[in-house]
Amino acid sequence: MSASKKLAANARKEANKTVYMARLVDNPTSPRKTRIMANVIRGKNVDYAMNVLKYSPREASEKLLKLLKSAIANWQVKNEGMRLENADLYVKTIMVDGGRMLKRIRTAPQGRANRIRKRSNHITLVIADRNTENNNNEIIKEESQN
């Protein structure tokens, strides 16, 4: 491995230490239905998002709630000394991308066949702490002024 690749890899590792995410792959729900609930919790505090997902009647909300709890657990693993109550966690980004599509055939009138597309999706959820982001932004501003 060359020196530039090692530097890039180390920079990626350092950046990933402050990223708290969870992914759900091949969720057997249409991306369109899942995006409705994803748009509701995007940018909201974690407590608010958990309450919204817990009491929502939509099917996608159960999967998103489980994914949000997983992201919070990932935050706790990387921040062992900090308390969850003191952190101001929020949903930084949530992306719902189309997954693989199972293609099936249903019989139709007059000897024809209609195609059924059973869609799935991939969900990526990233949470962040507003307190540490504000501190990082202040440090960057101070460095740019000097």
N, C-alpha and C. Protein backbone atom coordinates (compact mmCIF):
# COMPACT_ATOMS: atom_id res chain seq x y z
N MET A 1 0.85 -1.17 0.00
CA MET A 1 0.00 0.00 0.00
C MET A 1 0.90 1.24 0.00
N SER A 2 0.60 2.17 -0.89
CA SER A 2 1.42 3.37 -0.98
C SER A 2 1.13 4.33 0.17
N ALA A 3 1.99 5.30 0.32
CA ALA A 3 1.86 6.25 1.43
C ALA A 3 0.58 7.08 1.32
N SER A 4 0.24 7.48 0.11
CA SER A 4 -0.96 8.30 -0.07
C SER A 4 -2.23 7.50 0.25
N LYS A 5 -2.22 6.21 -0.09
CA LYS A 5 -3.37 5.37 0.22
C LYS A 5 -3.49 5.15 1.72
N LYS A 6 -2.35 5.01 2.41
CA LYS A 6 -2.38 4.85 3.85
C LYS A 6 -2.93 6.11 4.52
N LEU A 7 -2.51 7.27 4.04
CA LEU A 7 -2.99 8.52 4.60
C LEU A 7 -4.50 8.66 4.39
N ALA A 8 -4.95 8.31 3.19
CA ALA A 8 -6.38 8.39 2.89
C ALA A 8 -7.17 7.41 3.76
N ALA A 9 -6.63 6.22 3.95
CA ALA A 9 -7.32 5.22 4.77
C ALA A 9 -7.40 5.67 6.22
N ASN A 10 -6.30 6.24 6.73
CA ASN A 10 -6.30 6.74 8.10
C ASN A 10 -7.27 7.91 8.27
N ALA A 11 -7.34 8.77 7.27
CA ALA A 11 -8.28 9.90 7.33
C ALA A 11 -9.72 9.39 7.35
N ARG A 12 -10.02 8.34 6.56
CA ARG A 12 -11.35 7.75 6.56
C ARG A 12 -11.68 7.13 7.91
N LYS A 13 -10.70 6.46 8.52
CA LYS A 13 -10.91 5.85 9.83
C LYS A 13 -11.21 6.91 10.88
N GLU A 14 -10.47 8.02 10.85
CA GLU A 14 -10.71 9.10 11.81
C GLU A 14 -12.08 9.72 11.61
N ALA A 15 -12.48 9.88 10.36
CA ALA A 15 -13.80 10.47 10.07
C ALA A 15 -14.91 9.53 10.53
N ASN A 16 -14.71 8.23 10.39
CA ASN A 16 -15.74 7.26 10.77
C ASN A 16 -15.89 7.11 12.28
N LYS A 17 -14.92 7.60 13.05
CA LYS A 17 -15.03 7.52 14.50
C LYS A 17 -16.14 8.43 15.02
N THR A 18 -16.47 9.47 14.26
CA THR A 18 -17.51 10.40 14.70
C THR A 18 -18.83 10.21 13.95
N VAL A 19 -18.91 9.15 13.14
CA VAL A 19 -20.14 8.86 12.40
C VAL A 19 -20.84 7.69 13.07
N TYR A 20 -22.11 7.89 13.40
CA TYR A 20 -22.88 6.85 14.07
C TYR A 20 -24.04 6.48 13.16
N MET A 21 -23.96 5.31 12.57
CA MET A 21 -24.97 4.94 11.57
C MET A 21 -25.42 3.51 11.73
N ALA A 22 -26.53 3.24 11.06
CA ALA A 22 -27.07 1.88 10.99
C ALA A 22 -27.66 1.70 9.60
N ARG A 23 -27.56 0.48 9.07
CA ARG A 23 -28.10 0.20 7.74
C ARG A 23 -29.02 -1.00 7.79
N LEU A 24 -30.08 -0.91 7.00
CA LEU A 24 -31.00 -2.04 6.83
C LEU A 24 -31.02 -2.34 5.35
N VAL A 25 -30.66 -3.56 4.99
CA VAL A 25 -30.54 -3.94 3.59
C VAL A 25 -31.65 -4.92 3.23
N ASP A 26 -32.23 -4.75 2.06
CA ASP A 26 -33.29 -5.62 1.52
C ASP A 26 -34.50 -5.68 2.44
N ASN A 27 -34.97 -4.52 2.85
CA ASN A 27 -36.21 -4.42 3.61
C ASN A 27 -37.37 -4.66 2.64
N PRO A 28 -38.23 -5.66 2.87
CA PRO A 28 -39.24 -6.02 1.88
C PRO A 28 -40.46 -5.10 1.87
N THR A 29 -40.22 -3.81 1.78
CA THR A 29 -41.28 -2.82 1.68
C THR A 29 -40.94 -1.89 0.53
N SER A 30 -41.94 -1.35 -0.11
CA SER A 30 -41.71 -0.44 -1.21
C SER A 30 -40.97 0.81 -0.71
N PRO A 31 -39.97 1.30 -1.46
CA PRO A 31 -39.25 2.50 -1.02
C PRO A 31 -40.16 3.71 -0.89
N ARG A 32 -41.17 3.79 -1.72
CA ARG A 32 -42.09 4.92 -1.69
C ARG A 32 -42.84 4.99 -0.36
N LYS A 33 -43.25 3.82 0.15
CA LYS A 33 -43.97 3.77 1.42
C LYS A 33 -43.04 4.08 2.59
N THR A 34 -41.79 3.65 2.49
CA THR A 34 -40.84 3.88 3.57
C THR A 34 -40.41 5.33 3.62
N ARG A 35 -40.27 5.98 2.46
CA ARG A 35 -39.83 7.38 2.42
C ARG A 35 -40.79 8.31 3.13
N ILE A 36 -42.06 7.95 3.20
CA ILE A 36 -43.04 8.79 3.89
C ILE A 36 -42.64 8.95 5.36
N MET A 37 -42.32 7.84 6.02
CA MET A 37 -41.93 7.91 7.43
C MET A 37 -40.52 8.47 7.59
N ALA A 38 -39.66 8.23 6.62
CA ALA A 38 -38.29 8.76 6.70
C ALA A 38 -38.32 10.29 6.64
N ASN A 39 -39.18 10.85 5.82
CA ASN A 39 -39.28 12.31 5.72
C ASN A 39 -39.82 12.92 7.00
N VAL A 40 -40.62 12.17 7.75
CA VAL A 40 -41.19 12.70 8.99
C VAL A 40 -40.11 12.87 10.05
N ILE A 41 -39.15 11.93 10.13
CA ILE A 41 -38.16 11.98 11.22
C ILE A 41 -36.85 12.65 10.82
N ARG A 42 -36.67 12.99 9.56
CA ARG A 42 -35.41 13.59 9.11
C ARG A 42 -35.17 14.93 9.82
N GLY A 43 -34.00 15.06 10.47
CA GLY A 43 -33.64 16.29 11.14
C GLY A 43 -34.22 16.48 12.52
N LYS A 44 -34.99 15.53 13.01
CA LYS A 44 -35.65 15.65 14.31
C LYS A 44 -34.76 15.06 15.42
N ASN A 45 -35.05 15.44 16.65
CA ASN A 45 -34.36 14.84 17.80
C ASN A 45 -34.70 13.36 17.89
N VAL A 46 -33.79 12.59 18.47
CA VAL A 46 -33.96 11.14 18.54
C VAL A 46 -35.18 10.76 19.38
N ASP A 47 -35.39 11.47 20.50
CA ASP A 47 -36.54 11.15 21.35
C ASP A 47 -37.86 11.38 20.61
N TYR A 48 -37.94 12.51 19.92
CA TYR A 48 -39.15 12.82 19.15
C TYR A 48 -39.37 11.78 18.05
N ALA A 49 -38.29 11.44 17.35
CA ALA A 49 -38.40 10.47 16.26
C ALA A 49 -38.85 9.10 16.78
N MET A 50 -38.33 8.70 17.94
CA MET A 50 -38.73 7.41 18.50
C MET A 50 -40.21 7.40 18.86
N ASN A 51 -40.70 8.50 19.43
CA ASN A 51 -42.12 8.57 19.78
C ASN A 51 -43.00 8.55 18.54
N VAL A 52 -42.61 9.27 17.51
CA VAL A 52 -43.40 9.29 16.27
C VAL A 52 -43.46 7.90 15.66
N LEU A 53 -42.31 7.23 15.60
CA LEU A 53 -42.27 5.90 14.99
C LEU A 53 -43.00 4.86 15.83
N LYS A 54 -42.94 5.02 17.15
CA LYS A 54 -43.57 4.04 18.03
C LYS A 54 -45.09 4.04 17.88
N TYR A 55 -45.67 5.22 17.68
CA TYR A 55 -47.13 5.31 17.65
C TYR A 55 -47.69 5.47 16.23
N SER A 56 -46.87 5.29 15.24
CA SER A 56 -47.35 5.39 13.86
C SER A 56 -47.93 4.04 13.42
N PRO A 57 -49.05 4.04 12.69
CA PRO A 57 -49.64 2.78 12.27
C PRO A 57 -48.99 2.17 11.02
N ARG A 58 -48.08 2.89 10.39
CA ARG A 58 -47.48 2.40 9.14
C ARG A 58 -46.52 1.24 9.40
N GLU A 59 -46.43 0.34 8.43
CA GLU A 59 -45.57 -0.83 8.57
C GLU A 59 -44.09 -0.45 8.61
N ALA A 60 -43.73 0.56 7.84
CA ALA A 60 -42.33 0.96 7.76
C ALA A 60 -41.83 1.55 9.08
N SER A 61 -42.72 2.05 9.91
CA SER A 61 -42.29 2.69 11.16
C SER A 61 -41.65 1.69 12.12
N GLU A 62 -42.10 0.44 12.12
CA GLU A 62 -41.51 -0.57 12.99
C GLU A 62 -40.05 -0.82 12.62
N LYS A 63 -39.78 -0.95 11.33
CA LYS A 63 -38.42 -1.19 10.86
C LYS A 63 -37.53 0.02 11.13
N LEU A 64 -38.06 1.22 10.91
CA LEU A 64 -37.27 2.42 11.15
C LEU A 64 -36.98 2.61 12.64
N LEU A 65 -37.92 2.24 13.49
CA LEU A 65 -37.70 2.34 14.94
C LEU A 65 -36.57 1.41 15.37
N LYS A 66 -36.58 0.20 14.87
CA LYS A 66 -35.54 -0.76 15.19
C LYS A 66 -34.18 -0.27 14.68
N LEU A 67 -34.17 0.33 13.50
CA LEU A 67 -32.95 0.85 12.92
C LEU A 67 -32.42 2.04 13.72
N LEU A 68 -33.32 2.90 14.18
CA LEU A 68 -32.93 4.05 15.00
C LEU A 68 -32.33 3.59 16.33
N LYS A 69 -32.92 2.57 16.94
CA LYS A 69 -32.37 2.02 18.18
C LYS A 69 -30.97 1.44 17.95
N SER A 70 -30.77 0.83 16.79
CA SER A 70 -29.46 0.28 16.46
C SER A 70 -28.43 1.40 16.31
N ALA A 71 -28.80 2.50 15.68
CA ALA A 71 -27.88 3.63 15.52
C ALA A 71 -27.53 4.23 16.88
N ILE A 72 -28.51 4.30 17.78
CA ILE A 72 -28.25 4.81 19.13
C ILE A 72 -27.29 3.88 19.87
N ALA A 73 -27.47 2.58 19.71
CA ALA A 73 -26.56 1.61 20.33
C ALA A 73 -25.15 1.77 19.77
N ASN A 74 -25.03 2.05 18.48
CA ASN A 74 -23.72 2.28 17.88
C ASN A 74 -23.08 3.54 18.46
N TRP A 75 -23.88 4.56 18.73
CA TRP A 75 -23.37 5.79 19.36
C TRP A 75 -22.85 5.48 20.76
N GLN A 76 -23.59 4.65 21.50
CA GLN A 76 -23.19 4.31 22.86
C GLN A 76 -21.88 3.51 22.88
N VAL A 77 -21.69 2.66 21.89
CA VAL A 77 -20.46 1.87 21.83
C VAL A 77 -19.25 2.78 21.61
N LYS A 78 -19.39 3.77 20.74
CA LYS A 78 -18.27 4.66 20.44
C LYS A 78 -18.06 5.73 21.50
N ASN A 79 -19.06 6.01 22.34
CA ASN A 79 -18.97 7.02 23.39
C ASN A 79 -19.29 6.38 24.74
N GLU A 80 -18.39 5.57 25.24
CA GLU A 80 -18.66 4.81 26.46
C GLU A 80 -18.79 5.70 27.69
N GLY A 81 -18.00 6.77 27.79
CA GLY A 81 -18.02 7.60 28.98
C GLY A 81 -19.19 8.56 29.04
N MET A 82 -19.84 8.84 27.91
CA MET A 82 -20.90 9.84 27.86
C MET A 82 -22.26 9.22 28.15
N ARG A 83 -23.16 10.05 28.67
CA ARG A 83 -24.52 9.59 28.95
C ARG A 83 -25.42 10.00 27.80
N LEU A 84 -26.37 9.16 27.49
CA LEU A 84 -27.30 9.42 26.39
C LEU A 84 -28.18 10.63 26.68
N GLU A 85 -28.51 10.84 27.95
CA GLU A 85 -29.39 11.95 28.32
C GLU A 85 -28.71 13.30 28.11
N ASN A 86 -27.38 13.35 28.26
CA ASN A 86 -26.65 14.61 28.09
C ASN A 86 -26.40 14.95 26.63
N ALA A 87 -26.42 13.94 25.77
CA ALA A 87 -26.16 14.17 24.35
C ALA A 87 -27.43 14.69 23.67
N ASP A 88 -27.23 15.59 22.73
CA ASP A 88 -28.35 16.14 21.96
C ASP A 88 -28.36 15.47 20.59
N LEU A 89 -28.76 14.20 20.56
CA LEU A 89 -28.74 13.41 19.32
C LEU A 89 -29.92 13.76 18.43
N TYR A 90 -29.66 13.76 17.13
CA TYR A 90 -30.72 13.99 16.15
C TYR A 90 -30.44 13.15 14.90
N VAL A 91 -31.46 12.98 14.08
CA VAL A 91 -31.32 12.21 12.85
C VAL A 91 -30.69 13.13 11.80
N LYS A 92 -29.41 12.92 11.53
CA LYS A 92 -28.69 13.80 10.62
C LYS A 92 -29.10 13.53 9.18
N THR A 93 -28.98 12.29 8.76
CA THR A 93 -29.41 11.92 7.41
C THR A 93 -30.11 10.58 7.46
N ILE A 94 -31.08 10.44 6.59
CA ILE A 94 -31.75 9.15 6.40
C ILE A 94 -32.02 9.01 4.91
N MET A 95 -31.53 7.93 4.34
CA MET A 95 -31.70 7.70 2.91
C MET A 95 -32.42 6.37 2.69
N VAL A 96 -33.40 6.40 1.82
CA VAL A 96 -34.13 5.19 1.46
C VAL A 96 -33.91 4.98 -0.03
N ASP A 97 -33.13 3.98 -0.36
CA ASP A 97 -32.80 3.67 -1.74
C ASP A 97 -33.51 2.39 -2.16
N GLY A 98 -33.77 2.27 -3.44
CA GLY A 98 -34.41 1.07 -3.96
C GLY A 98 -33.48 -0.13 -3.87
N GLY A 99 -34.02 -1.25 -3.49
CA GLY A 99 -33.25 -2.48 -3.40
C GLY A 99 -33.55 -3.38 -4.59
N ARG A 100 -33.31 -4.65 -4.41
CA ARG A 100 -33.59 -5.56 -5.51
C ARG A 100 -35.09 -5.75 -5.67
N MET A 101 -35.48 -6.12 -6.86
CA MET A 101 -36.89 -6.27 -7.18
C MET A 101 -37.16 -7.71 -7.60
N LEU A 102 -38.08 -8.37 -6.91
CA LEU A 102 -38.47 -9.72 -7.30
C LEU A 102 -39.56 -9.60 -8.36
N LYS A 103 -39.35 -10.24 -9.48
CA LYS A 103 -40.31 -10.14 -10.58
C LYS A 103 -41.12 -11.42 -10.67
N ARG A 104 -42.42 -11.27 -10.59
CA ARG A 104 -43.34 -12.39 -10.63
C ARG A 104 -44.34 -12.16 -11.75
N ILE A 105 -45.07 -13.22 -12.10
CA ILE A 105 -46.06 -13.11 -13.17
C ILE A 105 -47.42 -13.54 -12.64
N ARG A 106 -48.44 -12.75 -12.93
CA ARG A 106 -49.82 -13.08 -12.58
C ARG A 106 -50.60 -13.24 -13.88
N THR A 107 -51.44 -14.26 -13.91
CA THR A 107 -52.23 -14.48 -15.12
C THR A 107 -53.23 -13.35 -15.31
N ALA A 108 -53.47 -13.03 -16.57
CA ALA A 108 -54.39 -11.96 -16.92
C ALA A 108 -55.40 -12.51 -17.92
N PRO A 109 -56.48 -11.79 -18.20
CA PRO A 109 -57.50 -12.29 -19.14
C PRO A 109 -56.96 -12.51 -20.55
N GLN A 110 -57.60 -13.39 -21.25
CA GLN A 110 -57.33 -13.70 -22.66
C GLN A 110 -55.91 -14.21 -22.89
N GLY A 111 -55.42 -15.03 -21.95
CA GLY A 111 -54.13 -15.69 -22.13
C GLY A 111 -52.92 -14.81 -21.93
N ARG A 112 -53.12 -13.62 -21.44
CA ARG A 112 -51.97 -12.73 -21.23
C ARG A 112 -51.41 -12.91 -19.82
N ALA A 113 -50.28 -12.26 -19.60
CA ALA A 113 -49.64 -12.31 -18.28
C ALA A 113 -49.23 -10.89 -17.88
N ASN A 114 -49.48 -10.54 -16.63
CA ASN A 114 -49.05 -9.25 -16.10
C ASN A 114 -47.88 -9.47 -15.16
N ARG A 115 -46.96 -8.52 -15.18
CA ARG A 115 -45.79 -8.62 -14.33
C ARG A 115 -46.07 -7.95 -12.99
N ILE A 116 -45.66 -8.62 -11.90
CA ILE A 116 -45.75 -8.05 -10.56
C ILE A 116 -44.32 -7.77 -10.10
N ARG A 117 -44.08 -6.54 -9.66
CA ARG A 117 -42.76 -6.17 -9.17
C ARG A 117 -42.82 -6.01 -7.65
N LYS A 118 -42.20 -6.96 -6.95
CA LYS A 118 -42.16 -6.89 -5.49
C LYS A 118 -40.90 -6.13 -5.10
N ARG A 119 -41.08 -4.91 -4.65
CA ARG A 119 -39.96 -4.01 -4.41
C ARG A 119 -39.41 -4.17 -3.00
N SER A 120 -38.15 -3.83 -2.85
CA SER A 120 -37.51 -3.79 -1.54
C SER A 120 -36.67 -2.53 -1.48
N ASN A 121 -36.12 -2.22 -0.31
CA ASN A 121 -35.32 -1.01 -0.19
C ASN A 121 -34.15 -1.20 0.76
N HIS A 122 -33.22 -0.25 0.68
CA HIS A 122 -32.08 -0.18 1.58
C HIS A 122 -32.21 1.14 2.35
N ILE A 123 -32.08 1.09 3.67
CA ILE A 123 -32.20 2.30 4.48
C ILE A 123 -30.88 2.55 5.17
N THR A 124 -30.39 3.78 5.09
CA THR A 124 -29.19 4.20 5.79
C THR A 124 -29.56 5.35 6.71
N LEU A 125 -29.29 5.18 8.01
CA LEU A 125 -29.66 6.18 9.01
C LEU A 125 -28.40 6.64 9.74
N VAL A 126 -28.17 7.95 9.77
CA VAL A 126 -27.01 8.52 10.44
C VAL A 126 -27.51 9.48 11.51
N ILE A 127 -27.01 9.29 12.75
CA ILE A 127 -27.36 10.23 13.81
C ILE A 127 -26.10 11.00 14.21
N ALA A 128 -26.30 12.18 14.77
CA ALA A 128 -25.18 13.02 15.18
C ALA A 128 -25.56 13.74 16.47
N ASP A 129 -24.55 14.25 17.13
CA ASP A 129 -24.73 15.00 18.37
C ASP A 129 -24.57 16.48 18.05
N ARG A 130 -25.59 17.26 18.34
CA ARG A 130 -25.54 18.70 18.04
C ARG A 130 -24.46 19.40 18.85
N ASN A 131 -24.20 18.93 20.07
CA ASN A 131 -23.19 19.56 20.92
C ASN A 131 -21.79 19.45 20.31
N THR A 132 -21.41 18.25 19.88
CA THR A 132 -20.07 18.07 19.32
C THR A 132 -19.95 18.73 17.96
N GLU A 133 -21.02 18.77 17.17
CA GLU A 133 -20.97 19.44 15.87
C GLU A 133 -20.76 20.93 16.04
N ASN A 134 -21.42 21.54 17.02
CA ASN A 134 -21.23 22.96 17.27
C ASN A 134 -19.80 23.25 17.71
N ASN A 135 -19.23 22.39 18.56
CA ASN A 135 -17.85 22.56 19.00
C ASN A 135 -16.89 22.45 17.82
N ASN A 136 -17.12 21.48 16.93
CA ASN A 136 -16.25 21.31 15.76
C ASN A 136 -16.34 22.51 14.84
N ASN A 137 -17.56 23.05 14.64
CA ASN A 137 -17.72 24.22 13.77
C ASN A 137 -17.01 25.43 14.35
N GLU A 138 -17.06 25.62 15.67
CA GLU A 138 -16.37 26.75 16.31
C GLU A 138 -14.87 26.62 16.17
N ILE A 139 -14.34 25.40 16.30
CA ILE A 139 -12.89 25.19 16.14
C ILE A 139 -12.47 25.49 14.72
N ILE A 140 -13.26 25.07 13.75
CA ILE A 140 -12.93 25.32 12.34
C ILE A 140 -12.96 26.83 12.05
N LYS A 141 -13.93 27.54 12.60
CA LYS A 141 -14.00 28.99 12.39
C LYS A 141 -12.78 29.70 12.99
N GLU A 142 -12.38 29.26 14.21
CA GLU A 142 -11.22 29.87 14.85
C GLU A 142 -9.95 29.62 14.05
N GLU A 143 -9.80 28.40 13.51
CA GLU A 143 -8.62 28.08 12.72
C GLU A 143 -8.60 28.87 11.42
N SER A 144 -9.76 29.08 10.81
CA SER A 144 -9.80 29.83 9.54
C SER A 144 -9.52 31.31 9.76
N GLN A 145 -9.84 31.85 10.95
CA GLN A 145 -9.58 33.26 11.23
C GLN A 145 -8.11 33.49 11.50
N ASN A 146 -7.40 32.50 12.04
CA ASN A 146 -5.97 32.66 12.36
C ASN A 146 -5.10 32.50 11.17
